Amino acid sequence: MSGWTGSELERIGRADELRIASRRKDGTLRPFGTIWAVCVDDSIFVRSAHGPENPWFVRAQRAGAGRIQAGGVERDVIFTEADPGDQETIDAAYHQKYDRYGQNIVGSVVGESAHAVTLRLTPTAPFEGES
């Protein structure tokens, strides 16, 4: 069980973009950045379009936790590596959702180089005001 509700998955899945912020050592949030995200089964995945040196990705890996906003959903999350067995399905989800932007853009988040920079977003406790 992923911890996401069906409604959250649907709303995040429909959103074109996701805002993501990692936590600093003192627990405060860094500024939000905007990225693409896909839902596969009951999980949400994000990828670094500019490789492992992309600052948001480096900070997310280092922090291991943060917050996301998309489709009217705001949740605290844990960032973990995606299972290698999920990578082909994640590629297909990125193609299905974002191919309309063209191969040059979608190509930055699919394929073998993107597999190494894929994070699974797992929600922690519901965000304040949510049940």
N, C-alpha and C. Protein backbone atom coordinates (compact mmCIF):
# COMPACT_ATOMS: atom_id res chain seq x y z
N MET A 1 0.84 -1.19 0.00
CA MET A 1 0.00 0.00 0.00
C MET A 1 0.88 1.24 0.00
N SER A 2 0.58 2.18 -0.89
CA SER A 2 1.44 3.34 -1.07
C SER A 2 1.18 4.46 -0.09
N GLY A 3 -0.01 4.54 0.47
CA GLY A 3 -0.35 5.65 1.33
C GLY A 3 -1.10 6.76 0.63
N TRP A 4 -1.13 6.74 -0.71
CA TRP A 4 -1.89 7.72 -1.48
C TRP A 4 -3.33 7.28 -1.55
N THR A 5 -4.25 8.22 -1.49
CA THR A 5 -5.66 7.89 -1.70
C THR A 5 -5.91 7.86 -3.21
N GLY A 6 -7.00 7.22 -3.61
CA GLY A 6 -7.36 7.21 -5.03
C GLY A 6 -7.57 8.60 -5.56
N SER A 7 -8.18 9.46 -4.78
CA SER A 7 -8.42 10.85 -5.19
C SER A 7 -7.10 11.60 -5.40
N GLU A 8 -6.16 11.41 -4.49
CA GLU A 8 -4.86 12.08 -4.63
C GLU A 8 -4.14 11.61 -5.88
N LEU A 9 -4.14 10.31 -6.12
CA LEU A 9 -3.49 9.78 -7.32
C LEU A 9 -4.13 10.35 -8.58
N GLU A 10 -5.44 10.42 -8.60
CA GLU A 10 -6.14 10.94 -9.77
C GLU A 10 -5.79 12.42 -9.98
N ARG A 11 -5.84 13.21 -8.92
CA ARG A 11 -5.59 14.65 -9.04
C ARG A 11 -4.13 14.94 -9.42
N ILE A 12 -3.21 14.24 -8.80
CA ILE A 12 -1.80 14.44 -9.14
C ILE A 12 -1.53 13.92 -10.55
N GLY A 13 -2.14 12.79 -10.90
CA GLY A 13 -1.96 12.23 -12.23
C GLY A 13 -2.46 13.14 -13.34
N ARG A 14 -3.52 13.87 -13.09
CA ARG A 14 -4.07 14.80 -14.08
C ARG A 14 -3.27 16.10 -14.18
N ALA A 15 -2.59 16.48 -13.10
CA ALA A 15 -1.83 17.74 -13.10
C ALA A 15 -0.65 17.64 -14.06
N ASP A 16 -0.46 18.66 -14.86
CA ASP A 16 0.65 18.67 -15.80
C ASP A 16 1.98 18.80 -15.09
N GLU A 17 2.00 19.54 -13.99
CA GLU A 17 3.25 19.78 -13.27
C GLU A 17 3.06 19.52 -11.79
N LEU A 18 4.18 19.26 -11.15
CA LEU A 18 4.21 19.03 -9.71
C LEU A 18 5.25 19.98 -9.13
N ARG A 19 4.92 20.58 -8.01
CA ARG A 19 5.89 21.43 -7.30
C ARG A 19 6.50 20.59 -6.20
N ILE A 20 7.82 20.68 -6.05
CA ILE A 20 8.54 19.82 -5.12
C ILE A 20 9.54 20.66 -4.33
N ALA A 21 9.63 20.38 -3.03
CA ALA A 21 10.59 21.06 -2.17
C ALA A 21 11.19 20.03 -1.22
N SER A 22 12.48 20.08 -1.03
CA SER A 22 13.12 19.18 -0.07
C SER A 22 13.26 19.92 1.27
N ARG A 23 13.53 19.15 2.31
CA ARG A 23 13.70 19.73 3.64
C ARG A 23 15.17 20.00 3.93
N ARG A 24 15.40 21.12 4.59
CA ARG A 24 16.74 21.43 5.09
C ARG A 24 16.99 20.63 6.36
N LYS A 25 18.23 20.65 6.85
CA LYS A 25 18.57 19.92 8.08
C LYS A 25 17.74 20.40 9.27
N ASP A 26 17.36 21.69 9.28
CA ASP A 26 16.57 22.22 10.39
C ASP A 26 15.08 21.93 10.24
N GLY A 27 14.69 21.22 9.17
CA GLY A 27 13.30 20.84 8.97
C GLY A 27 12.49 21.80 8.12
N THR A 28 13.03 22.99 7.85
CA THR A 28 12.29 23.92 7.00
C THR A 28 12.38 23.48 5.54
N LEU A 29 11.41 23.95 4.75
CA LEU A 29 11.38 23.59 3.34
C LEU A 29 12.22 24.54 2.50
N ARG A 30 12.89 23.98 1.53
CA ARG A 30 13.56 24.80 0.52
C ARG A 30 12.47 25.35 -0.41
N PRO A 31 12.80 26.31 -1.26
CA PRO A 31 11.81 26.81 -2.22
C PRO A 31 11.34 25.68 -3.15
N PHE A 32 10.08 25.76 -3.56
CA PHE A 32 9.52 24.76 -4.46
C PHE A 32 10.07 24.95 -5.88
N GLY A 33 10.31 23.83 -6.54
CA GLY A 33 10.64 23.80 -7.96
C GLY A 33 9.54 23.06 -8.70
N THR A 34 9.45 23.29 -9.98
CA THR A 34 8.38 22.67 -10.79
C THR A 34 8.98 21.59 -11.68
N ILE A 35 8.38 20.40 -11.65
CA ILE A 35 8.85 19.26 -12.44
C ILE A 35 7.65 18.48 -12.95
N TRP A 36 7.91 17.45 -13.71
CA TRP A 36 6.87 16.52 -14.18
C TRP A 36 6.81 15.32 -13.25
N ALA A 37 5.64 14.72 -13.17
CA ALA A 37 5.45 13.53 -12.35
C ALA A 37 4.45 12.60 -13.03
N VAL A 38 4.59 11.32 -12.76
CA VAL A 38 3.64 10.34 -13.29
C VAL A 38 3.19 9.40 -12.18
N CYS A 39 1.98 8.89 -12.37
CA CYS A 39 1.44 7.87 -11.47
C CYS A 39 1.51 6.53 -12.19
N VAL A 40 2.01 5.55 -11.49
CA VAL A 40 2.05 4.18 -11.99
C VAL A 40 1.47 3.31 -10.89
N ASP A 41 0.36 2.67 -11.20
CA ASP A 41 -0.39 1.88 -10.21
C ASP A 41 -0.73 2.80 -9.04
N ASP A 42 -0.25 2.50 -7.84
CA ASP A 42 -0.57 3.34 -6.69
C ASP A 42 0.63 4.13 -6.20
N SER A 43 1.56 4.43 -7.11
CA SER A 43 2.77 5.17 -6.75
C SER A 43 2.95 6.39 -7.65
N ILE A 44 3.70 7.36 -7.14
CA ILE A 44 4.03 8.57 -7.89
C ILE A 44 5.54 8.62 -8.03
N PHE A 45 5.98 8.95 -9.27
CA PHE A 45 7.40 9.01 -9.57
C PHE A 45 7.75 10.35 -10.20
N VAL A 46 8.97 10.81 -9.92
CA VAL A 46 9.52 12.00 -10.56
C VAL A 46 10.92 11.65 -11.05
N ARG A 47 11.36 12.41 -12.06
CA ARG A 47 12.70 12.21 -12.62
C ARG A 47 13.38 13.55 -12.83
N SER A 48 14.68 13.53 -12.72
CA SER A 48 15.47 14.72 -12.99
C SER A 48 15.74 14.82 -14.49
N ALA A 49 15.20 15.84 -15.12
CA ALA A 49 15.37 16.01 -16.57
C ALA A 49 16.80 16.35 -16.96
N HIS A 50 17.58 16.82 -16.02
CA HIS A 50 18.94 17.25 -16.35
C HIS A 50 20.00 16.44 -15.61
N GLY A 51 19.69 15.19 -15.35
CA GLY A 51 20.65 14.27 -14.79
C GLY A 51 20.84 14.37 -13.29
N PRO A 52 21.82 13.64 -12.78
CA PRO A 52 22.01 13.52 -11.34
C PRO A 52 22.57 14.78 -10.67
N GLU A 53 23.04 15.73 -11.46
CA GLU A 53 23.60 16.96 -10.89
C GLU A 53 22.56 18.07 -10.75
N ASN A 54 21.34 17.83 -11.20
CA ASN A 54 20.28 18.83 -11.09
C ASN A 54 20.11 19.19 -9.61
N PRO A 55 20.18 20.48 -9.26
CA PRO A 55 20.16 20.85 -7.83
C PRO A 55 18.97 20.32 -7.03
N TRP A 56 17.76 20.35 -7.59
CA TRP A 56 16.62 19.85 -6.81
C TRP A 56 16.79 18.37 -6.51
N PHE A 57 17.33 17.62 -7.48
CA PHE A 57 17.49 16.18 -7.32
C PHE A 57 18.55 15.87 -6.26
N VAL A 58 19.67 16.59 -6.31
CA VAL A 58 20.74 16.41 -5.32
C VAL A 58 20.20 16.67 -3.91
N ARG A 59 19.45 17.76 -3.76
CA ARG A 59 18.90 18.10 -2.44
C ARG A 59 17.86 17.08 -1.99
N ALA A 60 17.02 16.61 -2.90
CA ALA A 60 16.01 15.63 -2.54
C ALA A 60 16.66 14.33 -2.07
N GLN A 61 17.68 13.88 -2.79
CA GLN A 61 18.37 12.66 -2.39
C GLN A 61 19.03 12.84 -1.02
N ARG A 62 19.66 13.96 -0.83
CA ARG A 62 20.37 14.21 0.43
C ARG A 62 19.37 14.31 1.59
N ALA A 63 18.29 15.03 1.39
CA ALA A 63 17.32 15.25 2.47
C ALA A 63 16.48 14.01 2.76
N GLY A 64 16.07 13.33 1.69
CA GLY A 64 15.22 12.15 1.85
C GLY A 64 13.77 12.47 2.14
N ALA A 65 13.44 13.75 2.33
CA ALA A 65 12.07 14.12 2.64
C ALA A 65 11.79 15.53 2.15
N GLY A 66 10.50 15.80 1.94
CA GLY A 66 10.10 17.12 1.50
C GLY A 66 8.60 17.22 1.41
N ARG A 67 8.15 18.09 0.50
CA ARG A 67 6.71 18.31 0.30
C ARG A 67 6.45 18.49 -1.18
N ILE A 68 5.27 18.03 -1.60
CA ILE A 68 4.85 18.23 -2.99
C ILE A 68 3.49 18.91 -3.03
N GLN A 69 3.25 19.59 -4.16
CA GLN A 69 1.95 20.20 -4.43
C GLN A 69 1.62 19.92 -5.89
N ALA A 70 0.42 19.42 -6.13
CA ALA A 70 -0.03 19.17 -7.51
C ALA A 70 -1.52 18.87 -7.49
N GLY A 71 -2.23 19.42 -8.44
CA GLY A 71 -3.65 19.11 -8.57
C GLY A 71 -4.47 19.42 -7.34
N GLY A 72 -4.05 20.41 -6.56
CA GLY A 72 -4.76 20.74 -5.34
C GLY A 72 -4.40 19.86 -4.16
N VAL A 73 -3.45 18.96 -4.34
CA VAL A 73 -2.98 18.08 -3.27
C VAL A 73 -1.66 18.64 -2.74
N GLU A 74 -1.52 18.68 -1.44
CA GLU A 74 -0.26 19.06 -0.81
C GLU A 74 0.05 18.02 0.26
N ARG A 75 1.21 17.37 0.14
CA ARG A 75 1.57 16.29 1.07
C ARG A 75 3.06 16.32 1.36
N ASP A 76 3.38 15.98 2.60
CA ASP A 76 4.77 15.71 2.95
C ASP A 76 5.10 14.32 2.41
N VAL A 77 6.31 14.17 1.88
CA VAL A 77 6.70 12.90 1.25
C VAL A 77 8.10 12.50 1.64
N ILE A 78 8.38 11.24 1.41
CA ILE A 78 9.72 10.68 1.52
C ILE A 78 10.17 10.36 0.10
N PHE A 79 11.42 10.68 -0.21
CA PHE A 79 12.00 10.39 -1.52
C PHE A 79 12.83 9.12 -1.42
N THR A 80 12.51 8.13 -2.24
CA THR A 80 13.30 6.90 -2.29
C THR A 80 13.57 6.53 -3.73
N GLU A 81 14.58 5.71 -3.94
CA GLU A 81 14.89 5.25 -5.29
C GLU A 81 13.76 4.35 -5.79
N ALA A 82 13.48 4.46 -7.06
CA ALA A 82 12.48 3.59 -7.67
C ALA A 82 13.05 2.20 -7.88
N ASP A 83 12.19 1.22 -7.85
CA ASP A 83 12.57 -0.16 -8.11
C ASP A 83 12.99 -0.29 -9.57
N PRO A 84 14.14 -0.89 -9.84
CA PRO A 84 14.58 -1.06 -11.24
C PRO A 84 13.54 -1.76 -12.11
N GLY A 85 12.76 -2.64 -11.53
CA GLY A 85 11.75 -3.36 -12.29
C GLY A 85 10.58 -2.49 -12.74
N ASP A 86 10.46 -1.29 -12.18
CA ASP A 86 9.37 -0.38 -12.54
C ASP A 86 9.75 0.58 -13.67
N GLN A 87 11.02 0.63 -14.06
CA GLN A 87 11.50 1.68 -14.95
C GLN A 87 10.82 1.70 -16.32
N GLU A 88 10.60 0.56 -16.92
CA GLU A 88 9.97 0.53 -18.25
C GLU A 88 8.53 1.04 -18.18
N THR A 89 7.84 0.68 -17.11
CA THR A 89 6.46 1.15 -16.93
C THR A 89 6.44 2.65 -16.67
N ILE A 90 7.40 3.15 -15.94
CA ILE A 90 7.50 4.59 -15.69
C ILE A 90 7.79 5.32 -17.00
N ASP A 91 8.69 4.78 -17.82
CA ASP A 91 8.94 5.36 -19.14
C ASP A 91 7.64 5.48 -19.94
N ALA A 92 6.88 4.40 -19.96
CA ALA A 92 5.62 4.39 -20.72
C ALA A 92 4.65 5.44 -20.19
N ALA A 93 4.61 5.60 -18.88
CA ALA A 93 3.72 6.61 -18.28
C ALA A 93 4.15 8.02 -18.66
N TYR A 94 5.45 8.27 -18.68
CA TYR A 94 5.94 9.59 -19.13
C TYR A 94 5.58 9.83 -20.59
N HIS A 95 5.76 8.82 -21.43
CA HIS A 95 5.38 8.97 -22.84
C HIS A 95 3.89 9.27 -22.99
N GLN A 96 3.07 8.50 -22.30
CA GLN A 96 1.63 8.68 -22.42
C GLN A 96 1.20 10.08 -21.97
N LYS A 97 1.77 10.56 -20.90
CA LYS A 97 1.35 11.84 -20.34
C LYS A 97 1.95 13.05 -21.05
N TYR A 98 3.21 12.92 -21.52
CA TYR A 98 3.93 14.11 -21.98
C TYR A 98 4.40 14.09 -23.43
N ASP A 99 4.13 13.06 -24.20
CA ASP A 99 4.60 13.02 -25.59
C ASP A 99 4.14 14.23 -26.41
N ARG A 100 3.06 14.83 -26.02
CA ARG A 100 2.57 15.98 -26.78
C ARG A 100 3.56 17.15 -26.79
N TYR A 101 4.53 17.14 -25.89
CA TYR A 101 5.55 18.19 -25.85
C TYR A 101 6.70 17.95 -26.81
N GLY A 102 6.73 16.80 -27.44
CA GLY A 102 7.77 16.50 -28.42
C GLY A 102 8.89 15.65 -27.86
N GLN A 103 9.54 14.91 -28.75
CA GLN A 103 10.57 13.95 -28.35
C GLN A 103 11.77 14.59 -27.66
N ASN A 104 12.18 15.78 -28.09
CA ASN A 104 13.35 16.41 -27.46
C ASN A 104 13.11 16.66 -25.98
N ILE A 105 11.90 17.04 -25.63
CA ILE A 105 11.60 17.32 -24.23
C ILE A 105 11.35 16.02 -23.47
N VAL A 106 10.50 15.17 -23.99
CA VAL A 106 10.19 13.91 -23.30
C VAL A 106 11.45 13.04 -23.20
N GLY A 107 12.32 13.13 -24.20
CA GLY A 107 13.55 12.35 -24.18
C GLY A 107 14.43 12.61 -22.97
N SER A 108 14.24 13.77 -22.33
CA SER A 108 15.05 14.09 -21.16
C SER A 108 14.59 13.34 -19.90
N VAL A 109 13.42 12.70 -19.96
CA VAL A 109 12.91 12.00 -18.78
C VAL A 109 12.54 10.54 -19.05
N VAL A 110 12.98 10.01 -20.17
CA VAL A 110 12.76 8.59 -20.45
C VAL A 110 14.06 7.96 -20.90
N GLY A 111 14.12 6.64 -20.79
CA GLY A 111 15.30 5.91 -21.23
C GLY A 111 16.26 5.63 -20.10
N GLU A 112 17.29 4.89 -20.45
CA GLU A 112 18.23 4.38 -19.44
C GLU A 112 18.85 5.46 -18.57
N SER A 113 19.22 6.60 -19.16
CA SER A 113 19.85 7.66 -18.35
C SER A 113 18.87 8.23 -17.32
N ALA A 114 17.59 8.23 -17.64
CA ALA A 114 16.58 8.74 -16.70
C ALA A 114 16.29 7.74 -15.58
N HIS A 115 16.56 6.49 -15.81
CA HIS A 115 16.27 5.47 -14.79
C HIS A 115 17.06 5.73 -13.51
N ALA A 116 18.28 6.20 -13.65
CA ALA A 116 19.14 6.43 -12.48
C ALA A 116 18.72 7.65 -11.67
N VAL A 117 17.85 8.48 -12.23
CA VAL A 117 17.44 9.71 -11.55
C VAL A 117 15.92 9.71 -11.30
N THR A 118 15.41 8.55 -10.97
CA THR A 118 13.98 8.38 -10.70
C THR A 118 13.76 8.21 -9.21
N LEU A 119 12.84 9.00 -8.68
CA LEU A 119 12.49 8.90 -7.27
C LEU A 119 11.01 8.55 -7.12
N ARG A 120 10.74 7.68 -6.16
CA ARG A 120 9.37 7.36 -5.76
C ARG A 120 9.01 8.33 -4.64
N LEU A 121 7.80 8.89 -4.71
CA LEU A 121 7.30 9.78 -3.68
C LEU A 121 6.32 9.00 -2.81
N THR A 122 6.62 8.87 -1.54
CA THR A 122 5.77 8.15 -0.60
C THR A 122 5.27 9.14 0.43
N PRO A 123 3.94 9.27 0.58
CA PRO A 123 3.43 10.26 1.54
C PRO A 123 3.68 9.83 2.98
N THR A 124 3.90 10.84 3.81
CA THR A 124 3.97 10.60 5.25
C THR A 124 2.58 10.89 5.79
N ALA A 125 2.47 11.32 6.99
CA ALA A 125 1.14 11.61 7.57
C ALA A 125 0.41 12.64 6.72
N PRO A 126 -0.92 12.59 6.73
CA PRO A 126 -1.67 13.59 5.96
C PRO A 126 -1.26 15.00 6.33
N PHE A 127 -1.24 15.87 5.34
CA PHE A 127 -0.91 17.27 5.54
C PHE A 127 -1.98 17.91 6.40
N GLU A 128 -1.62 18.95 7.18
CA GLU A 128 -2.59 19.63 8.05
C GLU A 128 -3.88 19.94 7.30
N GLY A 129 -4.98 19.65 7.93
CA GLY A 129 -6.27 19.95 7.33
C GLY A 129 -6.82 18.80 6.49
N GLU A 130 -6.03 17.78 6.22
CA GLU A 130 -6.50 16.64 5.45
C GLU A 130 -6.69 15.46 6.39
N SER A 131 -7.54 14.56 6.02
CA SER A 131 -7.74 13.36 6.84
C SER A 131 -7.29 12.14 6.10
